[in-house]
Amino acid sequence: MRPVYYKVFDQGRYMGTYTATELQTMLHCGRQVPREYAADCRRYRGRYTFVLVNDSAGLSLQELAEAWDSERLRILRAAGRIT
């Protein structure tokens, strides 16, 4: 299972992107806290907001690489760069 990442904001200021495990250590919260607060758009401890990062829509790196290669080739063919 791949880690889930969250963008973290402290009173509206971007802190960074972290996994739930990293946030558990940083903010002394349970691993489920970021997921629950992100889903409800609530502030944790009145200051932290979490935004779920869904970067690949559940695709593996291999699937993403294959999709990129096919699109790249399609564009190059359309531009006449390759035959």
PDB file of N, CA and C in Angstrom:
ATOM      1  N   MET A   1       0.843  -1.180   0.000  1.00  0.00           N
ATOM      2  CA  MET A   1       0.000   0.000   0.000  1.00  0.00           C
ATOM      3  C   MET A   1       0.890   1.246   0.000  1.00  0.00           C
ATOM      4  N   ARG A   2       0.528   2.198  -0.843  1.00  0.00           N
ATOM      5  CA  ARG A   2       1.316   3.430  -0.949  1.00  0.00           C
ATOM      6  C   ARG A   2       0.876   4.442   0.103  1.00  0.00           C
ATOM      7  N   PRO A   3       1.807   5.276   0.555  1.00  0.00           N
ATOM      8  CA  PRO A   3       1.440   6.292   1.549  1.00  0.00           C
ATOM      9  C   PRO A   3       0.537   7.364   0.943  1.00  0.00           C
ATOM     10  N   VAL A   4      -0.309   7.919   1.779  1.00  0.00           N
ATOM     11  CA  VAL A   4      -1.195   9.013   1.385  1.00  0.00           C
ATOM     12  C   VAL A   4      -0.565  10.305   1.880  1.00  0.00           C
ATOM     13  N   TYR A   5      -0.535  11.306   1.025  1.00  0.00           N
ATOM     14  CA  TYR A   5       0.094  12.576   1.373  1.00  0.00           C
ATOM     15  C   TYR A   5      -0.954  13.660   1.589  1.00  0.00           C
ATOM     16  N   TYR A   6      -0.635  14.573   2.499  1.00  0.00           N
ATOM     17  CA  TYR A   6      -1.498  15.710   2.802  1.00  0.00           C
ATOM     18  C   TYR A   6      -0.686  16.992   2.741  1.00  0.00           C
ATOM     19  N   LYS A   7      -1.270  18.021   2.127  1.00  0.00           N
ATOM     20  CA  LYS A   7      -0.687  19.357   2.227  1.00  0.00           C
ATOM     21  C   LYS A   7      -1.147  19.907   3.563  1.00  0.00           C
ATOM     22  N   VAL A   8      -0.241  20.526   4.290  1.00  0.00           N
ATOM     23  CA  VAL A   8      -0.555  21.027   5.628  1.00  0.00           C
ATOM     24  C   VAL A   8      -0.386  22.537   5.650  1.00  0.00           C
ATOM     25  N   PHE A   9      -1.389  23.204   6.216  1.00  0.00           N
ATOM     26  CA  PHE A   9      -1.379  24.653   6.346  1.00  0.00           C
ATOM     27  C   PHE A   9      -1.534  25.004   7.815  1.00  0.00           C
ATOM     28  N   ASP A  10      -0.711  25.927   8.284  1.00  0.00           N
ATOM     29  CA  ASP A  10      -0.783  26.421   9.657  1.00  0.00           C
ATOM     30  C   ASP A  10      -1.353  27.829   9.595  1.00  0.00           C
ATOM     31  N   GLN A  11      -2.605  27.962   9.980  1.00  0.00           N
ATOM     32  CA  GLN A  11      -3.346  29.224   9.914  1.00  0.00           C
ATOM     33  C   GLN A  11      -3.237  29.849   8.526  1.00  0.00           C
ATOM     34  N   GLY A  12      -3.405  29.002   7.510  1.00  0.00           N
ATOM     35  CA  GLY A  12      -3.413  29.470   6.134  1.00  0.00           C
ATOM     36  C   GLY A  12      -2.061  29.500   5.450  1.00  0.00           C
ATOM     37  N   ARG A  13      -0.974  29.333   6.194  1.00  0.00           N
ATOM     38  CA  ARG A  13       0.370  29.334   5.599  1.00  0.00           C
ATOM     39  C   ARG A  13       0.816  27.900   5.326  1.00  0.00           C
ATOM     40  N   TYR A  14       1.267  27.662   4.103  1.00  0.00           N
ATOM     41  CA  TYR A  14       1.685  26.329   3.681  1.00  0.00           C
ATOM     42  C   TYR A  14       2.919  25.875   4.455  1.00  0.00           C
ATOM     43  N   MET A  15       2.842  24.696   5.065  1.00  0.00           N
ATOM     44  CA  MET A  15       3.959  24.124   5.822  1.00  0.00           C
ATOM     45  C   MET A  15       4.727  23.094   5.003  1.00  0.00           C
ATOM     46  N   GLY A  16       4.007  22.326   4.195  1.00  0.00           N
ATOM     47  CA  GLY A  16       4.648  21.271   3.417  1.00  0.00           C
ATOM     48  C   GLY A  16       3.682  20.136   3.153  1.00  0.00           C
ATOM     49  N   THR A  17       4.195  19.089   2.522  1.00  0.00           N
ATOM     50  CA  THR A  17       3.408  17.902   2.210  1.00  0.00           C
ATOM     51  C   THR A  17       3.992  16.735   2.993  1.00  0.00           C
ATOM     52  N   TYR A  18       3.125  16.046   3.741  1.00  0.00           N
ATOM     53  CA  TYR A  18       3.577  14.998   4.646  1.00  0.00           C
ATOM     54  C   TYR A  18       2.642  13.799   4.594  1.00  0.00           C
ATOM     55  N   THR A  19       3.150  12.648   5.028  1.00  0.00           N
ATOM     56  CA  THR A  19       2.312  11.464   5.183  1.00  0.00           C
ATOM     57  C   THR A  19       1.607  11.549   6.536  1.00  0.00           C
ATOM     58  N   ALA A  20       0.590  10.705   6.703  1.00  0.00           N
ATOM     59  CA  ALA A  20      -0.130  10.686   7.976  1.00  0.00           C
ATOM     60  C   ALA A  20       0.795  10.280   9.119  1.00  0.00           C
ATOM     61  N   THR A  21       1.722   9.379   8.845  1.00  0.00           N
ATOM     62  CA  THR A  21       2.669   8.946   9.883  1.00  0.00           C
ATOM     63  C   THR A  21       3.586  10.089  10.304  1.00  0.00           C
ATOM     64  N   GLU A  22       4.053  10.864   9.334  1.00  0.00           N
ATOM     65  CA  GLU A  22       4.899  12.019   9.659  1.00  0.00           C
ATOM     66  C   GLU A  22       4.114  13.048  10.470  1.00  0.00           C
ATOM     67  N   LEU A  23       2.857  13.261  10.095  1.00  0.00           N
ATOM     68  CA  LEU A  23       2.023  14.219  10.827  1.00  0.00           C
ATOM     69  C   LEU A  23       1.740  13.738  12.242  1.00  0.00           C
ATOM     70  N   GLN A  24       1.609  12.438  12.401  1.00  0.00           N
ATOM     71  CA  GLN A  24       1.384  11.875  13.728  1.00  0.00           C
ATOM     72  C   GLN A  24       2.533  12.253  14.659  1.00  0.00           C
ATOM     73  N   THR A  25       3.741  12.182  14.166  1.00  0.00           N
ATOM     74  CA  THR A  25       4.919  12.536  14.960  1.00  0.00           C
ATOM     75  C   THR A  25       5.020  14.045  15.167  1.00  0.00           C
ATOM     76  N   MET A  26       4.800  14.814  14.095  1.00  0.00           N
ATOM     77  CA  MET A  26       4.945  16.275  14.168  1.00  0.00           C
ATOM     78  C   MET A  26       3.909  16.940  15.060  1.00  0.00           C
ATOM     79  N   LEU A  27       2.643  16.521  14.906  1.00  0.00           N
ATOM     80  CA  LEU A  27       1.544  17.213  15.583  1.00  0.00           C
ATOM     81  C   LEU A  27       0.988  16.450  16.776  1.00  0.00           C
ATOM     82  N   HIS A  28       1.556  15.282  17.066  1.00  0.00           N
ATOM     83  CA  HIS A  28       1.095  14.452  18.180  1.00  0.00           C
ATOM     84  C   HIS A  28      -0.399  14.163  18.054  1.00  0.00           C
ATOM     85  N   CYS A  29      -0.766  13.613  16.896  1.00  0.00           N
ATOM     86  CA  CYS A  29      -2.165  13.275  16.646  1.00  0.00           C
ATOM     87  C   CYS A  29      -2.238  11.836  16.153  1.00  0.00           C
ATOM     88  N   GLY A  30      -3.448  11.308  16.070  1.00  0.00           N
ATOM     89  CA  GLY A  30      -3.636   9.969  15.535  1.00  0.00           C
ATOM     90  C   GLY A  30      -3.449   9.953  14.025  1.00  0.00           C
ATOM     91  N   ARG A  31      -3.148   8.776  13.466  1.00  0.00           N
ATOM     92  CA  ARG A  31      -2.927   8.676  12.019  1.00  0.00           C
ATOM     93  C   ARG A  31      -4.179   8.996  11.220  1.00  0.00           C
ATOM     94  N   GLN A  32      -5.351   8.805  11.794  1.00  0.00           N
ATOM     95  CA  GLN A  32      -6.597   9.055  11.082  1.00  0.00           C
ATOM     96  C   GLN A  32      -7.026  10.520  11.126  1.00  0.00           C
ATOM     97  N   VAL A  33      -6.408  11.316  11.967  1.00  0.00           N
ATOM     98  CA  VAL A  33      -6.791  12.729  12.126  1.00  0.00           C
ATOM     99  C   VAL A  33      -6.705  13.513  10.818  1.00  0.00           C
ATOM    100  N   PRO A  34      -5.592  13.459  10.064  1.00  0.00           N
ATOM    101  CA  PRO A  34      -5.540  14.232   8.813  1.00  0.00           C
ATOM    102  C   PRO A  34      -6.650  13.849   7.835  1.00  0.00           C
ATOM    103  N   ARG A  35      -6.921  12.551   7.723  1.00  0.00           N
ATOM    104  CA  ARG A  35      -7.971  12.091   6.806  1.00  0.00           C
ATOM    105  C   ARG A  35      -9.330  12.640   7.210  1.00  0.00           C
ATOM    106  N   GLU A  36      -9.664  12.545   8.478  1.00  0.00           N
ATOM    107  CA  GLU A  36     -10.963  13.002   8.959  1.00  0.00           C
ATOM    108  C   GLU A  36     -11.112  14.517   8.831  1.00  0.00           C
ATOM    109  N   TYR A  37     -10.086  15.252   9.207  1.00  0.00           N
ATOM    110  CA  TYR A  37     -10.160  16.712   9.140  1.00  0.00           C
ATOM    111  C   TYR A  37     -10.131  17.210   7.699  1.00  0.00           C
ATOM    112  N   ALA A  38      -9.400  16.528   6.818  1.00  0.00           N
ATOM    113  CA  ALA A  38      -9.383  16.916   5.401  1.00  0.00           C
ATOM    114  C   ALA A  38     -10.747  16.669   4.769  1.00  0.00           C
ATOM    115  N   ALA A  39     -11.381  15.554   5.117  1.00  0.00           N
ATOM    116  CA  ALA A  39     -12.689  15.224   4.547  1.00  0.00           C
ATOM    117  C   ALA A  39     -13.757  16.218   4.989  1.00  0.00           C
ATOM    118  N   ASP A  40     -13.663  16.700   6.227  1.00  0.00           N
ATOM    119  CA  ASP A  40     -14.664  17.625   6.772  1.00  0.00           C
ATOM    120  C   ASP A  40     -14.290  19.090   6.606  1.00  0.00           C
ATOM    121  N   CYS A  41     -13.113  19.374   6.051  1.00  0.00           N
ATOM    122  CA  CYS A  41     -12.615  20.756   5.893  1.00  0.00           C
ATOM    123  C   CYS A  41     -12.602  21.502   7.225  1.00  0.00           C
ATOM    124  N   ARG A  42     -12.189  20.797   8.274  1.00  0.00           N
ATOM    125  CA  ARG A  42     -12.109  21.403   9.602  1.00  0.00           C
ATOM    126  C   ARG A  42     -10.665  21.702   9.953  1.00  0.00           C
ATOM    127  N   ARG A  43     -10.475  22.572  10.947  1.00  0.00           N
ATOM    128  CA  ARG A  43      -9.137  22.896  11.446  1.00  0.00           C
ATOM    129  C   ARG A  43      -8.834  22.024  12.654  1.00  0.00           C
ATOM    130  N   TYR A  44      -7.643  21.440  12.639  1.00  0.00           N
ATOM    131  CA  TYR A  44      -7.186  20.647  13.768  1.00  0.00           C
ATOM    132  C   TYR A  44      -6.546  21.587  14.777  1.00  0.00           C
ATOM    133  N   ARG A  45      -6.982  21.491  16.025  1.00  0.00           N
ATOM    134  CA  ARG A  45      -6.519  22.369  17.108  1.00  0.00           C
ATOM    135  C   ARG A  45      -6.714  23.845  16.773  1.00  0.00           C
ATOM    136  N   GLY A  46      -7.667  24.134  15.924  1.00  0.00           N
ATOM    137  CA  GLY A  46      -7.988  25.517  15.591  1.00  0.00           C
ATOM    138  C   GLY A  46      -6.984  26.211  14.693  1.00  0.00           C
ATOM    139  N   ARG A  47      -5.984  25.471  14.172  1.00  0.00           N
ATOM    140  CA  ARG A  47      -4.984  26.144  13.347  1.00  0.00           C
ATOM    141  C   ARG A  47      -4.508  25.358  12.139  1.00  0.00           C
ATOM    142  N   TYR A  48      -4.486  24.036  12.179  1.00  0.00           N
ATOM    143  CA  TYR A  48      -3.952  23.244  11.066  1.00  0.00           C
ATOM    144  C   TYR A  48      -5.075  22.772  10.142  1.00  0.00           C
ATOM    145  N   THR A  49      -4.865  22.956   8.847  1.00  0.00           N
ATOM    146  CA  THR A  49      -5.792  22.397   7.866  1.00  0.00           C
ATOM    147  C   THR A  49      -5.016  21.423   6.988  1.00  0.00           C
ATOM    148  N   PHE A  50      -5.714  20.376   6.556  1.00  0.00           N
ATOM    149  CA  PHE A  50      -5.113  19.326   5.748  1.00  0.00           C
ATOM    150  C   PHE A  50      -5.856  19.226   4.425  1.00  0.00           C
ATOM    151  N   VAL A  51      -5.091  19.041   3.349  1.00  0.00           N
ATOM    152  CA  VAL A  51      -5.669  18.845   2.023  1.00  0.00           C
ATOM    153  C   VAL A  51      -5.068  17.568   1.460  1.00  0.00           C
ATOM    154  N   LEU A  52      -5.931  16.625   1.116  1.00  0.00           N
ATOM    155  CA  LEU A  52      -5.474  15.361   0.554  1.00  0.00           C
ATOM    156  C   LEU A  52      -4.831  15.597  -0.801  1.00  0.00           C
ATOM    157  N   VAL A  53      -3.649  15.038  -1.005  1.00  0.00           N
ATOM    158  CA  VAL A  53      -2.948  15.152  -2.284  1.00  0.00           C
ATOM    159  C   VAL A  53      -3.227  13.881  -3.066  1.00  0.00           C
ATOM    160  N   ASN A  54      -3.922  14.029  -4.180  1.00  0.00           N
ATOM    161  CA  ASN A  54      -4.247  12.882  -5.024  1.00  0.00           C
ATOM    162  C   ASN A  54      -3.493  13.057  -6.328  1.00  0.00           C
ATOM    163  N   ASP A  55      -2.197  12.754  -6.303  1.00  0.00           N
ATOM    164  CA  ASP A  55      -1.335  13.090  -7.426  1.00  0.00           C
ATOM    165  C   ASP A  55      -1.435  12.160  -8.616  1.00  0.00           C
ATOM    166  N   SER A  56      -1.758  10.907  -8.419  1.00  0.00           N
ATOM    167  CA  SER A  56      -1.732   9.980  -9.544  1.00  0.00           C
ATOM    168  C   SER A  56      -3.037   9.232  -9.753  1.00  0.00           C
ATOM    169  N   ALA A  57      -4.072   9.600  -9.054  1.00  0.00           N
ATOM    170  CA  ALA A  57      -5.396   8.981  -9.205  1.00  0.00           C
ATOM    171  C   ALA A  57      -5.325   7.461  -9.062  1.00  0.00           C
ATOM    172  N   GLY A  58      -4.464   6.975  -8.186  1.00  0.00           N
ATOM    173  CA  GLY A  58      -4.392   5.549  -7.913  1.00  0.00           C
ATOM    174  C   GLY A  58      -3.582   4.737  -8.905  1.00  0.00           C
ATOM    175  N   LEU A  59      -2.862   5.376  -9.812  1.00  0.00           N
ATOM    176  CA  LEU A  59      -2.062   4.653 -10.795  1.00  0.00           C
ATOM    177  C   LEU A  59      -0.679   4.342 -10.235  1.00  0.00           C
ATOM    178  N   SER A  60      -0.141   3.210 -10.656  1.00  0.00           N
ATOM    179  CA  SER A  60       1.224   2.869 -10.247  1.00  0.00           C
ATOM    180  C   SER A  60       2.212   3.667 -11.087  1.00  0.00           C
ATOM    181  N   LEU A  61       3.458   3.685 -10.657  1.00  0.00           N
ATOM    182  CA  LEU A  61       4.485   4.399 -11.419  1.00  0.00           C
ATOM    183  C   LEU A  61       4.651   3.805 -12.814  1.00  0.00           C
ATOM    184  N   GLN A  62       4.543   2.494 -12.918  1.00  0.00           N
ATOM    185  CA  GLN A  62       4.656   1.839 -14.224  1.00  0.00           C
ATOM    186  C   GLN A  62       3.510   2.278 -15.140  1.00  0.00           C
ATOM    187  N   GLU A  63       2.300   2.335 -14.614  1.00  0.00           N
ATOM    188  CA  GLU A  63       1.147   2.771 -15.416  1.00  0.00           C
ATOM    189  C   GLU A  63       1.293   4.228 -15.840  1.00  0.00           C
ATOM    190  N   LEU A  64       1.787   5.064 -14.948  1.00  0.00           N
ATOM    191  CA  LEU A  64       2.004   6.466 -15.295  1.00  0.00           C
ATOM    192  C   LEU A  64       3.069   6.612 -16.376  1.00  0.00           C
ATOM    193  N   ALA A  65       4.138   5.838 -16.277  1.00  0.00           N
ATOM    194  CA  ALA A  65       5.206   5.895 -17.280  1.00  0.00           C
ATOM    195  C   ALA A  65       4.695   5.449 -18.642  1.00  0.00           C
ATOM    196  N   GLU A  66       3.899   4.396 -18.673  1.00  0.00           N
ATOM    197  CA  GLU A  66       3.341   3.913 -19.939  1.00  0.00           C
ATOM    198  C   GLU A  66       2.387   4.940 -20.542  1.00  0.00           C
ATOM    199  N   ALA A  67       1.555   5.559 -19.716  1.00  0.00           N
ATOM    200  CA  ALA A  67       0.627   6.584 -20.210  1.00  0.00           C
ATOM    201  C   ALA A  67       1.400   7.780 -20.758  1.00  0.00           C
ATOM    202  N   TRP A  68       2.458   8.185 -20.070  1.00  0.00           N
ATOM    203  CA  TRP A  68       3.274   9.306 -20.538  1.00  0.00           C
ATOM    204  C   TRP A  68       3.925   8.978 -21.873  1.00  0.00           C
ATOM    205  N   ASP A  69       4.508   7.790 -21.996  1.00  0.00           N
ATOM    206  CA  ASP A  69       5.164   7.407 -23.246  1.00  0.00           C
ATOM    207  C   ASP A  69       4.187   7.405 -24.416  1.00  0.00           C
ATOM    208  N   SER A  70       2.999   6.861 -24.224  1.00  0.00           N
ATOM    209  CA  SER A  70       2.036   6.818 -25.336  1.00  0.00           C
ATOM    210  C   SER A  70       1.586   8.229 -25.727  1.00  0.00           C
ATOM    211  N   GLU A  71       1.364   9.104 -24.766  1.00  0.00           N
ATOM    212  CA  GLU A  71       0.967  10.484 -25.083  1.00  0.00           C
ATOM    213  C   GLU A  71       2.092  11.248 -25.764  1.00  0.00           C
ATOM    214  N   ARG A  72       3.310  11.056 -25.280  1.00  0.00           N
ATOM    215  CA  ARG A  72       4.466  11.725 -25.870  1.00  0.00           C
ATOM    216  C   ARG A  72       4.638  11.314 -27.328  1.00  0.00           C
ATOM    217  N   LEU A  73       4.529  10.028 -27.601  1.00  0.00           N
ATOM    218  CA  LEU A  73       4.651   9.543 -28.977  1.00  0.00           C
ATOM    219  C   LEU A  73       3.522  10.069 -29.857  1.00  0.00           C
ATOM    220  N   ARG A  74       2.309  10.137 -29.319  1.00  0.00           N
ATOM    221  CA  ARG A  74       1.173  10.663 -30.079  1.00  0.00           C
ATOM    222  C   ARG A  74       1.417  12.117 -30.472  1.00  0.00           C
ATOM    223  N   ILE A  75       1.932  12.908 -29.557  1.00  0.00           N
ATOM    224  CA  ILE A  75       2.211  14.325 -29.827  1.00  0.00           C
ATOM    225  C   ILE A  75       3.332  14.465 -30.850  1.00  0.00           C
ATOM    226  N   LEU A  76       4.389  13.675 -30.695  1.00  0.00           N
ATOM    227  CA  LEU A  76       5.499  13.738 -31.649  1.00  0.00           C
ATOM    228  C   LEU A  76       5.058  13.324 -33.054  1.00  0.00           C
ATOM    229  N   ARG A  77       4.205  12.316 -33.152  1.00  0.00           N
ATOM    230  CA  ARG A  77       3.689  11.903 -34.465  1.00  0.00           C
ATOM    231  C   ARG A  77       2.828  13.001 -35.074  1.00  0.00           C
ATOM    232  N   ALA A  78       1.985  13.605 -34.272  1.00  0.00           N
ATOM    233  CA  ALA A  78       1.102  14.669 -34.770  1.00  0.00           C
ATOM    234  C   ALA A  78       1.907  15.870 -35.246  1.00  0.00           C
ATOM    235  N   ALA A  79       3.050  16.125 -34.632  1.00  0.00           N
ATOM    236  CA  ALA A  79       3.898  17.253 -35.017  1.00  0.00           C
ATOM    237  C   ALA A  79       4.838  16.897 -36.171  1.00  0.00           C
ATOM    238  N   GLY A  80       4.819  15.646 -36.605  1.00  0.00           N
ATOM    239  CA  GLY A  80       5.675  15.223 -37.701  1.00  0.00           C
ATOM    240  C   GLY A  80       7.117  14.990 -37.298  1.00  0.00           C
ATOM    241  N   ARG A  81       7.382  14.885 -36.026  1.00  0.00           N
ATOM    242  CA  ARG A  81       8.756  14.687 -35.546  1.00  0.00           C
ATOM    243  C   ARG A  81       9.219  13.240 -35.710  1.00  0.00           C
ATOM    244  N   ILE A  82       8.275  12.303 -35.614  1.00  0.00           N
ATOM    245  CA  ILE A  82       8.596  10.889 -35.829  1.00  0.00           C
ATOM    246  C   ILE A  82       7.522  10.281 -36.716  1.00  0.00           C
ATOM    247  N   THR A  83       7.839   9.155 -37.334  1.00  0.00           N
ATOM    248  CA  THR A  83       6.855   8.490 -38.206  1.00  0.00           C
ATOM    249  C   THR A  83       6.467   7.159 -37.654  1.00  0.00           C
TER     250      THR A  83
END
